[in-house]
Amino acid sequence: MLFLLTLSLANFTQSEKKSIFKSVIWVSVFIVTLSIPELIGVKLPLVTAISSQGTLSADHFVGAANLHRLQSVLAGPNAFGLYLLVLITIVLSWGKELKTPKWLIWVYFLIAILTFSRSVWIGLVVLSFVALVSRYKFRVTKVAQLIAILLIVCAGIFVLARKSATVNQIVTHGVSTNERFAEYKRIWQTRHDIGLLGRGAGDAGPTTQNRLDDGPNYWTESTYLDTFEEFGLIGLLLFISIIVLLWRKIVVAPSDNPTFRTARLLVPAFLVAGLFISLYTGQVAVYTFLLILGSADSNEEQLE
């Protein structure tokens, strides 16, 4: 929050924003390049005996399907996929100003798919949907048609998953789906214990994975449920209120502002992905997201 507040008070000029986002894109090219050898099972020696802990040092596969999940240096496929989700929106919105090649979007899109992160896939679908609607300003009937097509595709994937073991593994990730449903059930059964104020900051979400006091691991892999468990009903309502205010600011902002264009595409994708994953598993993605929000300024007198 301090990072976001500092950025909000900085009042960057347009030329400074261009330099910032150009640097972000160049760094992303390097990070994505490091993930490519993983396609053929080559793991670069990016960790040491001291640092090789957690998911960064591990190989990631899709269950019995034995498909490599790309992660590069982002400590896990989910974190890498969320990061690419942010980068795709930056390239889409700043590509013209920064003269970024359009094919870079498709490379990032493909790499994001190969993380086999279901929450990231859902985010990509939402991002693509919002981009299409924003680009072509579809009427309500056309939007309804697009939603119908998406539902038909989802139904087709569901049918394939019932008939193909490989597709089933890709969709369910083995026991992962069952574990999530178990967490949802736990939240519902303990909702009165969580109450209005929750269990307290740090008592849920990714921070409980490796507790030094050997306490319980409360991690639903949902940003909203983790927020509810930590801060209770009051905290969740405050969190949702911040999102609503943020969304209002983005919607009414000038459409010719590339930073706001980026936020318009990214916020819906992040909000939906957050239903199925704790966004804080991808700290780099979150900080890049905050960079976008913090540098957004509807006051265009300072552009040059």
Protein backbone atom coordinates (compact mmCIF):
# COMPACT_ATOMS: atom_id res chain seq x y z
CA MET A 1 0.00 0.00 0.00
CA LEU A 2 2.93 2.33 0.71
CA PHE A 3 4.27 1.53 -2.75
CA LEU A 4 0.92 2.41 -4.34
CA LEU A 5 0.61 5.62 -2.30
CA THR A 6 4.13 6.73 -3.24
CA LEU A 7 3.45 6.17 -6.92
CA SER A 8 0.12 8.00 -6.71
CA LEU A 9 1.86 11.09 -5.30
CA ALA A 10 4.76 11.02 -7.78
CA ASN A 11 2.95 12.74 -10.71
CA PHE A 12 4.96 11.13 -13.51
CA THR A 13 5.07 12.89 -16.87
CA GLN A 14 4.16 10.97 -20.01
CA SER A 15 7.81 10.69 -21.07
CA GLU A 16 8.69 9.27 -17.64
CA LYS A 17 5.86 6.74 -17.92
CA LYS A 18 7.14 5.69 -21.33
CA SER A 19 10.59 5.06 -19.87
CA ILE A 20 9.13 3.07 -16.97
CA PHE A 21 6.93 0.82 -19.09
CA LYS A 22 9.61 0.37 -21.75
CA SER A 23 11.91 -0.92 -18.98
CA VAL A 24 9.14 -3.24 -17.72
CA ILE A 25 8.68 -4.70 -21.20
CA TRP A 26 12.42 -5.24 -21.79
CA VAL A 27 12.78 -6.98 -18.42
CA SER A 28 9.78 -9.18 -19.30
CA VAL A 29 11.43 -10.24 -22.57
CA PHE A 30 14.43 -11.46 -20.57
CA ILE A 31 12.25 -13.32 -18.03
CA VAL A 32 10.14 -14.98 -20.74
CA THR A 33 13.27 -16.03 -22.67
CA LEU A 34 14.50 -17.85 -19.55
CA SER A 35 11.29 -19.94 -19.56
CA ILE A 36 11.64 -21.23 -23.13
CA PRO A 37 14.17 -24.05 -22.37
CA GLU A 38 11.57 -25.50 -19.98
CA LEU A 39 9.49 -26.42 -23.04
CA ILE A 40 11.94 -29.23 -23.77
CA GLY A 41 12.63 -30.11 -20.16
CA VAL A 42 15.85 -28.12 -19.74
CA LYS A 43 15.97 -26.43 -16.33
CA LEU A 44 18.48 -23.61 -16.12
CA PRO A 45 20.64 -23.51 -12.94
CA LEU A 46 18.97 -20.41 -11.50
CA VAL A 47 19.10 -21.41 -7.82
CA THR A 48 21.89 -22.26 -5.38
CA ALA A 49 22.12 -24.65 -2.44
CA ILE A 50 21.22 -21.71 -0.20
CA SER A 51 18.32 -20.32 -2.23
CA SER A 52 16.83 -23.50 -3.71
CA GLN A 53 13.71 -23.69 -1.59
CA GLY A 54 10.04 -23.69 -2.53
CA THR A 55 8.58 -23.90 -6.00
CA LEU A 56 11.41 -22.13 -7.82
CA SER A 57 13.72 -25.14 -7.45
CA ALA A 58 11.00 -27.64 -8.41
CA ASP A 59 9.85 -29.00 -11.75
CA HIS A 60 6.14 -28.55 -12.34
CA PHE A 61 3.94 -30.93 -14.30
CA VAL A 62 0.25 -31.37 -14.99
CA GLY A 63 -0.54 -34.52 -13.01
CA ALA A 64 -0.34 -37.81 -14.88
CA ALA A 65 -0.40 -35.91 -18.19
CA ASN A 66 3.29 -35.15 -17.51
CA LEU A 67 3.14 -31.78 -19.29
CA HIS A 68 5.76 -29.23 -18.30
CA ARG A 69 4.37 -26.09 -16.66
CA LEU A 70 6.51 -23.05 -17.36
CA GLN A 71 7.59 -20.82 -14.50
CA SER A 72 10.87 -19.08 -15.48
CA VAL A 73 12.17 -17.24 -12.37
CA LEU A 74 8.76 -16.37 -10.95
CA ALA A 75 8.63 -19.16 -8.32
CA GLY A 76 5.78 -21.15 -9.78
CA PRO A 77 3.55 -21.38 -12.88
CA ASN A 78 0.69 -19.43 -11.27
CA ALA A 79 2.99 -16.52 -10.39
CA PHE A 80 4.51 -16.57 -13.88
CA GLY A 81 1.10 -16.69 -15.54
CA LEU A 82 -0.24 -13.74 -13.51
CA TYR A 83 2.88 -11.77 -14.44
CA LEU A 84 2.29 -12.48 -18.15
CA LEU A 85 -1.34 -11.43 -17.74
CA VAL A 86 -0.12 -8.01 -16.62
CA LEU A 87 2.47 -7.81 -19.40
CA ILE A 88 -0.05 -8.61 -22.13
CA THR A 89 -2.20 -5.65 -21.05
CA ILE A 90 0.83 -3.34 -20.99
CA VAL A 91 1.91 -4.33 -24.50
CA LEU A 92 -1.67 -4.03 -25.77
CA SER A 93 -2.12 -0.54 -24.32
CA TRP A 94 1.38 0.93 -24.66
CA GLY A 95 2.43 -0.87 -27.84
CA LYS A 96 1.67 2.08 -30.12
CA GLU A 97 3.43 4.66 -27.93
CA LEU A 98 6.47 2.42 -27.32
CA LYS A 99 6.51 0.92 -30.86
CA THR A 100 6.44 -2.58 -29.40
CA PRO A 101 6.08 -5.37 -32.01
CA LYS A 102 2.55 -6.81 -32.03
CA TRP A 103 3.78 -10.41 -32.24
CA LEU A 104 5.09 -10.03 -28.69
CA ILE A 105 1.48 -10.17 -27.44
CA TRP A 106 0.94 -13.57 -29.07
CA VAL A 107 4.22 -14.94 -27.70
CA TYR A 108 3.23 -13.89 -24.17
CA PHE A 109 -0.29 -15.26 -24.69
CA LEU A 110 1.11 -18.66 -25.74
CA ILE A 111 3.60 -18.80 -22.87
CA ALA A 112 0.81 -17.87 -20.42
CA ILE A 113 -1.27 -20.79 -21.73
CA LEU A 114 1.69 -23.14 -21.24
CA THR A 115 1.82 -22.33 -17.53
CA PHE A 116 -1.31 -24.54 -17.37
CA SER A 117 -2.67 -22.24 -14.66
CA ARG A 118 -6.45 -22.45 -14.81
CA SER A 119 -6.94 -19.13 -13.02
CA VAL A 120 -4.61 -17.47 -15.55
CA TRP A 121 -6.54 -19.08 -18.42
CA ILE A 122 -9.75 -17.62 -17.01
CA GLY A 123 -8.01 -14.25 -16.71
CA LEU A 124 -6.90 -14.48 -20.35
CA VAL A 125 -10.48 -15.20 -21.45
CA VAL A 126 -11.78 -12.19 -19.50
CA LEU A 127 -8.94 -10.01 -20.80
CA SER A 128 -9.64 -11.03 -24.41
CA PHE A 129 -13.38 -10.45 -23.94
CA VAL A 130 -12.90 -6.96 -22.47
CA ALA A 131 -10.34 -6.08 -25.16
CA LEU A 132 -12.72 -7.10 -27.94
CA VAL A 133 -15.65 -5.19 -26.45
CA SER A 134 -13.48 -2.10 -25.84
CA ARG A 135 -11.89 -2.23 -29.29
CA TYR A 136 -15.05 -2.71 -31.35
CA LYS A 137 -17.61 -1.21 -28.93
CA PHE A 138 -20.04 -4.09 -29.44
CA ARG A 139 -23.73 -3.67 -28.77
CA VAL A 140 -25.49 -5.69 -26.10
CA THR A 141 -26.62 -8.35 -28.61
CA LYS A 142 -23.07 -8.92 -29.84
CA VAL A 143 -21.78 -9.13 -26.26
CA ALA A 144 -24.50 -11.70 -25.50
CA GLN A 145 -23.39 -13.72 -28.54
CA LEU A 146 -19.78 -13.69 -27.34
CA ILE A 147 -20.85 -14.88 -23.89
CA ALA A 148 -22.92 -17.67 -25.50
CA ILE A 149 -19.89 -18.78 -27.53
CA LEU A 150 -17.75 -18.86 -24.38
CA LEU A 151 -20.35 -20.98 -22.60
CA ILE A 152 -20.47 -23.42 -25.53
CA VAL A 153 -16.66 -23.70 -25.52
CA CYS A 154 -16.67 -24.34 -21.75
CA ALA A 155 -19.33 -27.03 -22.19
CA GLY A 156 -17.22 -28.66 -24.92
CA ILE A 157 -14.15 -28.69 -22.65
CA PHE A 158 -16.25 -30.25 -19.88
CA VAL A 159 -17.39 -33.04 -22.24
CA LEU A 160 -13.79 -33.65 -23.39
CA ALA A 161 -12.63 -33.79 -19.78
CA ARG A 162 -15.10 -36.60 -19.09
CA LYS A 163 -13.84 -38.61 -22.06
CA SER A 164 -10.10 -37.88 -22.05
CA ALA A 165 -7.82 -38.53 -19.06
CA THR A 166 -5.28 -36.00 -20.35
CA VAL A 167 -7.86 -33.22 -20.73
CA ASN A 168 -9.25 -34.12 -17.31
CA GLN A 169 -5.79 -33.73 -15.75
CA ILE A 170 -5.30 -30.36 -17.46
CA VAL A 171 -8.67 -29.10 -16.23
CA THR A 172 -8.70 -30.57 -12.71
CA HIS A 173 -4.93 -30.82 -11.96
CA GLY A 174 -5.59 -34.09 -10.17
CA VAL A 175 -6.43 -33.54 -6.52
CA SER A 176 -6.06 -29.75 -6.74
CA THR A 177 -9.73 -29.14 -7.47
CA ASN A 178 -10.87 -31.41 -4.64
CA GLU A 179 -8.55 -29.60 -2.22
CA ARG A 180 -10.06 -26.26 -3.19
CA PHE A 181 -13.61 -27.48 -2.69
CA ALA A 182 -12.56 -28.80 0.72
CA GLU A 183 -11.30 -25.32 1.63
CA TYR A 184 -14.52 -23.68 0.44
CA LYS A 185 -16.49 -26.10 2.61
CA ARG A 186 -14.21 -25.32 5.59
CA ILE A 187 -14.79 -21.56 5.18
CA TRP A 188 -18.55 -22.06 5.15
CA GLN A 189 -18.48 -24.30 8.22
CA THR A 190 -16.26 -21.89 10.20
CA ARG A 191 -17.86 -18.63 9.02
CA HIS A 192 -19.13 -17.87 12.54
CA ASP A 193 -15.63 -18.33 13.99
CA ILE A 194 -14.25 -15.88 11.42
CA GLY A 195 -17.03 -13.41 12.14
CA LEU A 196 -16.83 -9.66 11.54
CA LEU A 197 -13.12 -9.14 12.25
CA GLY A 198 -11.54 -12.39 11.01
CA ARG A 199 -8.59 -14.32 12.36
CA GLY A 200 -6.14 -11.43 11.96
CA ALA A 201 -3.61 -10.25 9.37
CA GLY A 202 -1.28 -13.02 8.24
CA ASP A 203 -3.48 -15.82 9.62
CA ALA A 204 -4.70 -16.87 6.16
CA GLY A 205 -3.46 -17.03 2.60
CA PRO A 206 0.05 -17.84 1.32
CA THR A 207 1.69 -16.54 4.53
CA THR A 208 0.40 -19.57 6.44
CA GLN A 209 2.12 -22.12 4.19
CA ASN A 210 5.34 -22.19 6.24
CA ARG A 211 4.35 -21.01 9.70
CA LEU A 212 7.19 -20.95 12.24
CA ASP A 213 4.74 -21.75 15.04
CA ASP A 214 3.43 -24.85 13.21
CA GLY A 215 -0.06 -23.34 13.25
CA PRO A 216 -2.83 -24.25 10.81
CA ASN A 217 -2.47 -23.58 7.08
CA TYR A 218 -5.51 -21.51 6.08
CA TRP A 219 -5.17 -21.01 2.35
CA THR A 220 -8.25 -21.17 0.14
CA GLU A 221 -6.38 -20.03 -3.02
CA SER A 222 -9.05 -17.35 -3.44
CA THR A 223 -8.17 -13.70 -2.84
CA TYR A 224 -11.66 -12.92 -1.57
CA LEU A 225 -11.99 -15.89 0.78
CA ASP A 226 -8.47 -15.33 2.15
CA THR A 227 -9.37 -11.67 2.77
CA PHE A 228 -12.58 -12.75 4.53
CA GLU A 229 -10.71 -15.22 6.73
CA GLU A 230 -8.02 -12.71 7.68
CA PHE A 231 -10.14 -9.59 8.16
CA GLY A 232 -13.67 -10.89 8.53
CA LEU A 233 -16.85 -9.63 6.93
CA ILE A 234 -15.97 -5.99 7.64
CA GLY A 235 -12.57 -6.35 5.98
CA LEU A 236 -14.05 -8.10 2.95
CA LEU A 237 -16.66 -5.36 2.49
CA LEU A 238 -13.94 -2.68 2.76
CA PHE A 239 -11.84 -4.57 0.21
CA ILE A 240 -14.77 -4.79 -2.21
CA SER A 241 -15.52 -1.08 -1.65
CA ILE A 242 -11.97 -0.18 -2.66
CA ILE A 243 -12.39 -2.27 -5.81
CA VAL A 244 -15.68 -0.54 -6.67
CA LEU A 245 -14.13 2.93 -6.23
CA LEU A 246 -11.10 1.89 -8.27
CA TRP A 247 -13.31 0.54 -11.06
CA ARG A 248 -15.34 3.77 -11.12
CA LYS A 249 -12.17 5.83 -11.48
CA ILE A 250 -10.97 3.66 -14.34
CA VAL A 251 -14.27 3.66 -16.24
CA VAL A 252 -14.67 7.47 -16.25
CA ALA A 253 -11.01 8.12 -17.09
CA PRO A 254 -9.95 9.46 -20.56
CA SER A 255 -9.81 6.67 -23.15
CA ASP A 256 -6.71 8.18 -24.76
CA ASN A 257 -4.68 7.62 -21.58
CA PRO A 258 -2.64 4.41 -22.16
CA THR A 259 -2.14 3.80 -18.45
CA PHE A 260 -5.88 3.83 -17.83
CA ARG A 261 -6.38 1.66 -20.92
CA THR A 262 -4.04 -0.85 -19.33
CA ALA A 263 -5.96 -0.75 -16.05
CA ARG A 264 -9.32 -1.15 -17.85
CA LEU A 265 -8.13 -4.39 -19.40
CA LEU A 266 -6.29 -5.74 -16.39
CA VAL A 267 -8.62 -5.02 -13.47
CA PRO A 268 -11.51 -7.26 -14.70
CA ALA A 269 -9.06 -10.07 -15.53
CA PHE A 270 -7.44 -9.82 -12.09
CA LEU A 271 -10.77 -9.61 -10.27
CA VAL A 272 -12.06 -12.79 -11.92
CA ALA A 273 -8.75 -14.66 -11.59
CA GLY A 274 -8.75 -13.70 -7.91
CA LEU A 275 -11.82 -15.88 -7.40
CA PHE A 276 -9.70 -18.97 -8.09
CA ILE A 277 -6.23 -17.99 -6.90
CA SER A 278 -4.66 -15.80 -4.25
CA LEU A 279 -3.17 -12.97 -6.29
CA TYR A 280 -0.45 -12.59 -3.67
CA THR A 281 1.16 -15.82 -4.85
CA GLY A 282 2.46 -13.68 -7.73
CA GLN A 283 4.13 -10.78 -5.94
CA VAL A 284 5.90 -9.53 -9.09
CA ALA A 285 2.57 -9.44 -10.93
CA VAL A 286 0.89 -7.59 -8.06
CA TYR A 287 3.65 -4.97 -7.83
CA THR A 288 3.59 -4.44 -11.59
CA PHE A 289 -0.19 -4.11 -11.35
CA LEU A 290 0.23 -1.51 -8.58
CA LEU A 291 2.76 0.29 -10.78
CA ILE A 292 0.06 0.65 -13.43
CA LEU A 293 -2.55 1.90 -10.96
CA GLY A 294 -0.16 4.21 -9.13
CA SER A 295 1.15 5.87 -12.29
CA ALA A 296 -2.35 6.37 -13.76
CA ASP A 297 -3.30 10.04 -13.70
CA SER A 298 -6.37 11.57 -15.31
CA ASN A 299 -4.73 14.99 -15.17
CA GLU A 300 -3.34 15.19 -18.68
CA GLU A 301 -1.86 18.70 -18.38
CA GLN A 302 1.41 17.06 -17.32
CA LEU A 303 1.81 14.74 -20.30
CA GLU A 304 4.84 16.43 -21.78
